């Protein structure tokens, strides 16, 4: 029988990924100032690696991080539109 009150490993990973995404959104200006036109990996609510392409970023990650919890994104240059 399925226990609907139990939090599964994939759910925990998704919650961590969402926290990292929220952290990115809340700190976007500072991240953009430092990493514009680069790829960044965010884990534990901080940038853990950055570089010119996603493969380089993945190679630069130090430590043991689960990709299902990490946010990997290219930081754009200039203004970014916001949802209405």
PDB file of N, CA and C in Angstrom:
ATOM      1  N   UNK A   1       0.834  -1.176   0.000  1.00  0.00           N
ATOM      2  CA  UNK A   1       0.000   0.000   0.000  1.00  0.00           C
ATOM      3  C   UNK A   1       0.882   1.244   0.000  1.00  0.00           C
ATOM      4  N   UNK A   2       0.467   2.273  -0.691  1.00  0.00           N
ATOM      5  CA  UNK A   2       1.213   3.517  -0.788  1.00  0.00           C
ATOM      6  C   UNK A   2       0.907   4.394   0.417  1.00  0.00           C
ATOM      7  N   UNK A   3       1.954   4.869   1.058  1.00  0.00           N
ATOM      8  CA  UNK A   3       1.810   5.783   2.183  1.00  0.00           C
ATOM      9  C   UNK A   3       1.910   7.209   1.649  1.00  0.00           C
ATOM     10  N   UNK A   4       0.788   7.897   1.535  1.00  0.00           N
ATOM     11  CA  UNK A   4       0.760   9.231   0.947  1.00  0.00           C
ATOM     12  C   UNK A   4       1.361  10.295   1.853  1.00  0.00           C
ATOM     13  N   UNK A   5       1.589   9.962   3.116  1.00  0.00           N
ATOM     14  CA  UNK A   5       2.195  10.917   4.040  1.00  0.00           C
ATOM     15  C   UNK A   5       3.724  10.836   4.034  1.00  0.00           C
ATOM     16  N   UNK A   6       4.265   9.799   3.437  1.00  0.00           N
ATOM     17  CA  UNK A   6       5.715   9.607   3.392  1.00  0.00           C
ATOM     18  C   UNK A   6       6.325  10.498   2.313  1.00  0.00           C
ATOM     19  N   UNK A   7       7.426  11.138   2.648  1.00  0.00           N
ATOM     20  CA  UNK A   7       8.158  11.948   1.676  1.00  0.00           C
ATOM     21  C   UNK A   7       9.221  11.059   1.052  1.00  0.00           C
ATOM     22  N   UNK A   8       9.175  10.926  -0.263  1.00  0.00           N
ATOM     23  CA  UNK A   8      10.096  10.049  -0.969  1.00  0.00           C
ATOM     24  C   UNK A   8      11.400  10.775  -1.311  1.00  0.00           C
ATOM     25  N   UNK A   9      12.413  10.019  -1.679  1.00  0.00           N
ATOM     26  CA  UNK A   9      13.700  10.602  -2.074  1.00  0.00           C
ATOM     27  C   UNK A   9      13.547  11.555  -3.267  1.00  0.00           C
ATOM     28  N   UNK A  10      12.790  11.195  -4.304  1.00  0.00           N
ATOM     29  CA  UNK A  10      12.612  12.149  -5.407  1.00  0.00           C
ATOM     30  C   UNK A  10      11.909  13.437  -4.969  1.00  0.00           C
ATOM     31  N   UNK A  11      10.979  13.341  -4.048  1.00  0.00           N
ATOM     32  CA  UNK A  11      10.308  14.543  -3.547  1.00  0.00           C
ATOM     33  C   UNK A  11      11.286  15.426  -2.779  1.00  0.00           C
ATOM     34  N   UNK A  12      12.151  14.821  -1.972  1.00  0.00           N
ATOM     35  CA  UNK A  12      13.155  15.580  -1.233  1.00  0.00           C
ATOM     36  C   UNK A  12      14.104  16.287  -2.194  1.00  0.00           C
ATOM     37  N   UNK A  13      14.524  15.580  -3.246  1.00  0.00           N
ATOM     38  CA  UNK A  13      15.426  16.173  -4.236  1.00  0.00           C
ATOM     39  C   UNK A  13      14.746  17.342  -4.936  1.00  0.00           C
ATOM     40  N   UNK A  14      13.476  17.182  -5.274  1.00  0.00           N
ATOM     41  CA  UNK A  14      12.736  18.257  -5.939  1.00  0.00           C
ATOM     42  C   UNK A  14      12.611  19.475  -5.021  1.00  0.00           C
ATOM     43  N   UNK A  15      12.356  19.260  -3.750  1.00  0.00           N
ATOM     44  CA  UNK A  15      12.275  20.373  -2.798  1.00  0.00           C
ATOM     45  C   UNK A  15      13.605  21.127  -2.706  1.00  0.00           C
ATOM     46  N   UNK A  16      14.714  20.395  -2.719  1.00  0.00           N
ATOM     47  CA  UNK A  16      16.025  21.043  -2.680  1.00  0.00           C
ATOM     48  C   UNK A  16      16.268  21.835  -3.960  1.00  0.00           C
ATOM     49  N   UNK A  17      15.887  21.264  -5.101  1.00  0.00           N
ATOM     50  CA  UNK A  17      16.044  21.969  -6.367  1.00  0.00           C
ATOM     51  C   UNK A  17      15.211  23.249  -6.372  1.00  0.00           C
ATOM     52  N   UNK A  18      13.998  23.184  -5.844  1.00  0.00           N
ATOM     53  CA  UNK A  18      13.129  24.364  -5.786  1.00  0.00           C
ATOM     54  C   UNK A  18      13.725  25.439  -4.875  1.00  0.00           C
ATOM     55  N   UNK A  19      14.329  25.026  -3.760  1.00  0.00           N
ATOM     56  CA  UNK A  19      14.983  25.996  -2.871  1.00  0.00           C
ATOM     57  C   UNK A  19      16.150  26.674  -3.584  1.00  0.00           C
ATOM     58  N   UNK A  20      16.903  25.894  -4.353  1.00  0.00           N
ATOM     59  CA  UNK A  20      18.019  26.461  -5.104  1.00  0.00           C
ATOM     60  C   UNK A  20      17.525  27.420  -6.190  1.00  0.00           C
ATOM     61  N   UNK A  21      16.425  27.079  -6.836  1.00  0.00           N
ATOM     62  CA  UNK A  21      15.845  27.953  -7.849  1.00  0.00           C
ATOM     63  C   UNK A  21      15.341  29.245  -7.221  1.00  0.00           C
ATOM     64  N   UNK A  22      14.698  29.133  -6.075  1.00  0.00           N
ATOM     65  CA  UNK A  22      14.222  30.325  -5.367  1.00  0.00           C
ATOM     66  C   UNK A  22      15.396  31.207  -4.948  1.00  0.00           C
ATOM     67  N   UNK A  23      16.474  30.585  -4.497  1.00  0.00           N
ATOM     68  CA  UNK A  23      17.658  31.343  -4.106  1.00  0.00           C
ATOM     69  C   UNK A  23      18.220  32.092  -5.313  1.00  0.00           C
ATOM     70  N   UNK A  24      18.270  31.427  -6.460  1.00  0.00           N
ATOM     71  CA  UNK A  24      18.720  32.079  -7.690  1.00  0.00           C
ATOM     72  C   UNK A  24      17.861  33.296  -7.996  1.00  0.00           C
ATOM     73  N   UNK A  25      16.561  33.130  -7.930  1.00  0.00           N
ATOM     74  CA  UNK A  25      15.647  34.237  -8.219  1.00  0.00           C
ATOM     75  C   UNK A  25      15.855  35.391  -7.242  1.00  0.00           C
ATOM     76  N   UNK A  26      16.005  35.092  -5.978  1.00  0.00           N
ATOM     77  CA  UNK A  26      16.161  36.132  -4.953  1.00  0.00           C
ATOM     78  C   UNK A  26      17.514  36.839  -5.005  1.00  0.00           C
ATOM     79  N   UNK A  27      18.511  36.203  -5.594  1.00  0.00           N
ATOM     80  CA  UNK A  27      19.861  36.761  -5.643  1.00  0.00           C
ATOM     81  C   UNK A  27      20.329  37.010  -7.068  1.00  0.00           C
ATOM     82  N   UNK A  28      19.383  37.111  -7.985  1.00  0.00           N
ATOM     83  CA  UNK A  28      19.726  37.143  -9.403  1.00  0.00           C
ATOM     84  C   UNK A  28      20.621  38.318  -9.784  1.00  0.00           C
ATOM     85  N   UNK A  29      20.326  39.508  -9.281  1.00  0.00           N
ATOM     86  CA  UNK A  29      21.133  40.684  -9.650  1.00  0.00           C
ATOM     87  C   UNK A  29      22.608  40.479  -9.320  1.00  0.00           C
ATOM     88  N   UNK A  30      22.907  40.008  -8.119  1.00  0.00           N
ATOM     89  CA  UNK A  30      24.286  39.780  -7.713  1.00  0.00           C
ATOM     90  C   UNK A  30      24.938  38.680  -8.545  1.00  0.00           C
ATOM     91  N   UNK A  31      24.186  37.625  -8.808  1.00  0.00           N
ATOM     92  CA  UNK A  31      24.711  36.524  -9.615  1.00  0.00           C
ATOM     93  C   UNK A  31      24.978  37.004 -11.039  1.00  0.00           C
ATOM     94  N   UNK A  32      24.062  37.799 -11.570  1.00  0.00           N
ATOM     95  CA  UNK A  32      24.232  38.302 -12.926  1.00  0.00           C
ATOM     96  C   UNK A  32      25.442  39.229 -13.020  1.00  0.00           C
ATOM     97  N   UNK A  33      25.656  40.073 -12.012  1.00  0.00           N
ATOM     98  CA  UNK A  33      26.814  40.968 -12.010  1.00  0.00           C
ATOM     99  C   UNK A  33      28.126  40.185 -12.047  1.00  0.00           C
ATOM    100  N   UNK A  34      28.151  39.064 -11.366  1.00  0.00           N
ATOM    101  CA  UNK A  34      29.380  38.286 -11.253  1.00  0.00           C
ATOM    102  C   UNK A  34      29.552  37.253 -12.370  1.00  0.00           C
ATOM    103  N   UNK A  35      28.439  36.680 -12.875  1.00  0.00           N
ATOM    104  CA  UNK A  35      28.529  35.541 -13.782  1.00  0.00           C
ATOM    105  C   UNK A  35      27.804  35.738 -15.124  1.00  0.00           C
ATOM    106  N   UNK A  36      27.575  36.977 -15.553  1.00  0.00           N
ATOM    107  CA  UNK A  36      26.861  37.223 -16.814  1.00  0.00           C
ATOM    108  C   UNK A  36      27.555  36.488 -17.966  1.00  0.00           C
ATOM    109  N   UNK A  37      26.743  35.901 -18.835  1.00  0.00           N
ATOM    110  CA  UNK A  37      27.210  35.135 -20.002  1.00  0.00           C
ATOM    111  C   UNK A  37      27.947  33.854 -19.628  1.00  0.00           C
ATOM    112  N   UNK A  38      27.764  33.366 -18.415  1.00  0.00           N
ATOM    113  CA  UNK A  38      28.371  32.107 -17.998  1.00  0.00           C
ATOM    114  C   UNK A  38      27.285  31.138 -17.543  1.00  0.00           C
ATOM    115  N   UNK A  39      27.656  29.889 -17.477  1.00  0.00           N
ATOM    116  CA  UNK A  39      26.808  28.859 -16.886  1.00  0.00           C
ATOM    117  C   UNK A  39      27.177  28.749 -15.419  1.00  0.00           C
ATOM    118  N   UNK A  40      26.177  28.572 -14.559  1.00  0.00           N
ATOM    119  CA  UNK A  40      26.423  28.376 -13.133  1.00  0.00           C
ATOM    120  C   UNK A  40      25.678  27.148 -12.635  1.00  0.00           C
ATOM    121  N   UNK A  41      26.281  26.487 -11.667  1.00  0.00           N
ATOM    122  CA  UNK A  41      25.639  25.376 -10.962  1.00  0.00           C
ATOM    123  C   UNK A  41      25.354  25.871  -9.555  1.00  0.00           C
ATOM    124  N   UNK A  42      24.113  25.705  -9.130  1.00  0.00           N
ATOM    125  CA  UNK A  42      23.694  26.162  -7.802  1.00  0.00           C
ATOM    126  C   UNK A  42      23.257  24.955  -6.988  1.00  0.00           C
ATOM    127  N   UNK A  43      23.824  24.873  -5.792  1.00  0.00           N
ATOM    128  CA  UNK A  43      23.506  23.782  -4.875  1.00  0.00           C
ATOM    129  C   UNK A  43      23.682  24.303  -3.465  1.00  0.00           C
ATOM    130  N   UNK A  44      22.803  23.930  -2.577  1.00  0.00           N
ATOM    131  CA  UNK A  44      22.900  24.389  -1.198  1.00  0.00           C
ATOM    132  C   UNK A  44      22.758  25.896  -1.100  1.00  0.00           C
ATOM    133  N   UNK A  45      21.985  26.447  -2.025  1.00  0.00           N
ATOM    134  CA  UNK A  45      21.709  27.882  -2.069  1.00  0.00           C
ATOM    135  C   UNK A  45      22.992  28.709  -2.202  1.00  0.00           C
ATOM    136  N   UNK A  46      23.892  28.242  -3.090  1.00  0.00           N
ATOM    137  CA  UNK A  46      25.095  28.998  -3.446  1.00  0.00           C
ATOM    138  C   UNK A  46      25.610  28.487  -4.788  1.00  0.00           C
ATOM    139  N   UNK A  47      26.408  29.319  -5.450  1.00  0.00           N
ATOM    140  CA  UNK A  47      27.036  28.924  -6.708  1.00  0.00           C
ATOM    141  C   UNK A  47      28.214  28.024  -6.355  1.00  0.00           C
ATOM    142  N   UNK A  48      28.198  26.798  -6.891  1.00  0.00           N
ATOM    143  CA  UNK A  48      29.267  25.846  -6.573  1.00  0.00           C
ATOM    144  C   UNK A  48      30.261  25.703  -7.721  1.00  0.00           C
ATOM    145  N   UNK A  49      29.883  26.146  -8.927  1.00  0.00           N
ATOM    146  CA  UNK A  49      30.787  26.090 -10.076  1.00  0.00           C
ATOM    147  C   UNK A  49      30.235  27.008 -11.161  1.00  0.00           C
ATOM    148  N   UNK A  50      31.133  27.460 -12.032  1.00  0.00           N
ATOM    149  CA  UNK A  50      30.715  28.291 -13.159  1.00  0.00           C
ATOM    150  C   UNK A  50      31.703  28.101 -14.301  1.00  0.00           C
ATOM    151  N   UNK A  51      31.269  28.443 -15.512  1.00  0.00           N
ATOM    152  CA  UNK A  51      32.133  28.305 -16.677  1.00  0.00           C
ATOM    153  C   UNK A  51      31.412  28.705 -17.950  1.00  0.00           C
ATOM    154  N   UNK A  52      32.087  28.509 -19.075  1.00  0.00           N
ATOM    155  CA  UNK A  52      31.556  28.947 -20.365  1.00  0.00           C
ATOM    156  C   UNK A  52      30.600  27.966 -21.023  1.00  0.00           C
ATOM    157  N   UNK A  53      30.587  26.730 -20.580  1.00  0.00           N
ATOM    158  CA  UNK A  53      29.615  25.771 -21.119  1.00  0.00           C
ATOM    159  C   UNK A  53      29.231  24.783 -20.019  1.00  0.00           C
ATOM    160  N   UNK A  54      28.076  24.150 -20.165  1.00  0.00           N
ATOM    161  CA  UNK A  54      27.585  23.272 -19.091  1.00  0.00           C
ATOM    162  C   UNK A  54      28.533  22.111 -18.771  1.00  0.00           C
ATOM    163  N   UNK A  55      29.198  21.577 -19.791  1.00  0.00           N
ATOM    164  CA  UNK A  55      30.139  20.488 -19.542  1.00  0.00           C
ATOM    165  C   UNK A  55      31.296  20.927 -18.665  1.00  0.00           C
ATOM    166  N   UNK A  56      31.819  22.120 -18.938  1.00  0.00           N
ATOM    167  CA  UNK A  56      32.900  22.674 -18.128  1.00  0.00           C
ATOM    168  C   UNK A  56      32.449  22.862 -16.685  1.00  0.00           C
ATOM    169  N   UNK A  57      31.234  23.363 -16.510  1.00  0.00           N
ATOM    170  CA  UNK A  57      30.701  23.578 -15.163  1.00  0.00           C
ATOM    171  C   UNK A  57      30.612  22.258 -14.412  1.00  0.00           C
ATOM    172  N   UNK A  58      30.087  21.242 -15.066  1.00  0.00           N
ATOM    173  CA  UNK A  58      29.959  19.935 -14.411  1.00  0.00           C
ATOM    174  C   UNK A  58      31.324  19.380 -14.010  1.00  0.00           C
ATOM    175  N   UNK A  59      32.333  19.597 -14.854  1.00  0.00           N
ATOM    176  CA  UNK A  59      33.687  19.121 -14.534  1.00  0.00           C
ATOM    177  C   UNK A  59      34.296  19.905 -13.367  1.00  0.00           C
ATOM    178  N   UNK A  60      33.880  21.163 -13.183  1.00  0.00           N
ATOM    179  CA  UNK A  60      34.440  22.009 -12.131  1.00  0.00           C
ATOM    180  C   UNK A  60      33.768  21.829 -10.771  1.00  0.00           C
ATOM    181  N   UNK A  61      32.725  21.044 -10.706  1.00  0.00           N
ATOM    182  CA  UNK A  61      32.020  20.844  -9.439  1.00  0.00           C
ATOM    183  C   UNK A  61      32.882  20.008  -8.502  1.00  0.00           C
ATOM    184  N   UNK A  62      33.115  20.554  -7.335  1.00  0.00           N
ATOM    185  CA  UNK A  62      33.891  19.853  -6.301  1.00  0.00           C
ATOM    186  C   UNK A  62      32.909  19.259  -5.287  1.00  0.00           C
ATOM    187  N   UNK A  63      33.128  18.035  -4.936  1.00  0.00           N
ATOM    188  CA  UNK A  63      32.251  17.402  -3.956  1.00  0.00           C
ATOM    189  C   UNK A  63      31.264  16.470  -4.623  1.00  0.00           C
ATOM    190  N   UNK A  64      30.405  15.912  -3.822  1.00  0.00           N
ATOM    191  CA  UNK A  64      29.436  14.925  -4.283  1.00  0.00           C
ATOM    192  C   UNK A  64      28.044  15.531  -4.237  1.00  0.00           C
ATOM    193  N   UNK A  65      27.546  15.979  -5.381  1.00  0.00           N
ATOM    194  CA  UNK A  65      26.240  16.607  -5.461  1.00  0.00           C
ATOM    195  C   UNK A  65      25.336  15.814  -6.382  1.00  0.00           C
ATOM    196  N   UNK A  66      24.085  15.724  -6.019  1.00  0.00           N
ATOM    197  CA  UNK A  66      23.107  15.024  -6.854  1.00  0.00           C
ATOM    198  C   UNK A  66      22.557  15.989  -7.889  1.00  0.00           C
ATOM    199  N   UNK A  67      22.628  15.612  -9.144  1.00  0.00           N
ATOM    200  CA  UNK A  67      22.151  16.493 -10.216  1.00  0.00           C
ATOM    201  C   UNK A  67      20.654  16.759 -10.099  1.00  0.00           C
ATOM    202  N   UNK A  68      19.915  15.870  -9.461  1.00  0.00           N
ATOM    203  CA  UNK A  68      18.475  16.068  -9.312  1.00  0.00           C
ATOM    204  C   UNK A  68      18.147  17.200  -8.337  1.00  0.00           C
ATOM    205  N   UNK A  69      19.133  17.632  -7.541  1.00  0.00           N
ATOM    206  CA  UNK A  69      18.924  18.715  -6.574  1.00  0.00           C
ATOM    207  C   UNK A  69      19.519  20.037  -7.062  1.00  0.00           C
ATOM    208  N   UNK A  70      20.344  19.979  -8.075  1.00  0.00           N
ATOM    209  CA  UNK A  70      21.112  21.129  -8.528  1.00  0.00           C
ATOM    210  C   UNK A  70      20.366  21.906  -9.612  1.00  0.00           C
ATOM    211  N   UNK A  71      20.637  23.202  -9.655  1.00  0.00           N
ATOM    212  CA  UNK A  71      20.153  24.049 -10.739  1.00  0.00           C
ATOM    213  C   UNK A  71      21.366  24.394 -11.589  1.00  0.00           C
ATOM    214  N   UNK A  72      21.288  24.112 -12.896  1.00  0.00           N
ATOM    215  CA  UNK A  72      22.344  24.445 -13.838  1.00  0.00           C
ATOM    216  C   UNK A  72      21.715  25.365 -14.868  1.00  0.00           C
ATOM    217  N   UNK A  73      22.220  26.605 -14.959  1.00  0.00           N
ATOM    218  CA  UNK A  73      21.562  27.603 -15.796  1.00  0.00           C
ATOM    219  C   UNK A  73      22.593  28.563 -16.382  1.00  0.00           C
ATOM    220  N   UNK A  74      22.292  29.069 -17.574  1.00  0.00           N
ATOM    221  CA  UNK A  74      23.133  30.106 -18.178  1.00  0.00           C
ATOM    222  C   UNK A  74      22.604  31.458 -17.713  1.00  0.00           C
ATOM    223  N   UNK A  75      23.482  32.292 -17.194  1.00  0.00           N
ATOM    224  CA  UNK A  75      23.103  33.608 -16.692  1.00  0.00           C
ATOM    225  C   UNK A  75      23.173  34.587 -17.864  1.00  0.00           C
ATOM    226  N   UNK A  76      22.055  35.205 -18.217  1.00  0.00           N
ATOM    227  CA  UNK A  76      22.053  36.136 -19.351  1.00  0.00           C
ATOM    228  C   UNK A  76      22.682  37.470 -18.993  1.00  0.00           C
ATOM    229  N   UNK A  77      23.054  38.196 -20.028  1.00  0.00           N
ATOM    230  CA  UNK A  77      23.581  39.552 -19.883  1.00  0.00           C
ATOM    231  C   UNK A  77      22.414  40.505 -20.095  1.00  0.00           C
ATOM    232  N   UNK A  78      22.404  41.618 -19.429  1.00  0.00           N
ATOM    233  CA  UNK A  78      21.367  42.625 -19.650  1.00  0.00           C
ATOM    234  C   UNK A  78      20.089  42.340 -18.884  1.00  0.00           C
ATOM    235  N   UNK A  79      19.059  43.101 -19.243  1.00  0.00           N
ATOM    236  CA  UNK A  79      17.787  42.982 -18.534  1.00  0.00           C
ATOM    237  C   UNK A  79      17.086  41.664 -18.849  1.00  0.00           C
ATOM    238  N   UNK A  80      16.373  41.174 -17.857  1.00  0.00           N
ATOM    239  CA  UNK A  80      15.608  39.954 -17.991  1.00  0.00           C
ATOM    240  C   UNK A  80      14.164  40.309 -17.685  1.00  0.00           C
ATOM    241  N   UNK A  81      13.259  39.869 -18.553  1.00  0.00           N
ATOM    242  CA  UNK A  81      11.849  40.204 -18.321  1.00  0.00           C
ATOM    243  C   UNK A  81      11.320  39.439 -17.122  1.00  0.00           C
ATOM    244  N   UNK A  82      10.363  40.037 -16.458  1.00  0.00           N
ATOM    245  CA  UNK A  82       9.719  39.443 -15.293  1.00  0.00           C
ATOM    246  C   UNK A  82       8.278  39.089 -15.650  1.00  0.00           C
ATOM    247  N   UNK A  83       7.757  38.003 -15.112  1.00  0.00           N
ATOM    248  CA  UNK A  83       6.352  37.674 -15.368  1.00  0.00           C
ATOM    249  C   UNK A  83       5.426  38.759 -14.824  1.00  0.00           C
ATOM    250  N   UNK A  84       4.327  38.960 -15.493  1.00  0.00           N
ATOM    251  CA  UNK A  84       3.364  39.993 -15.080  1.00  0.00           C
ATOM    252  C   UNK A  84       2.500  39.473 -13.974  1.00  0.00           C
TER     253      UNK A  84
END
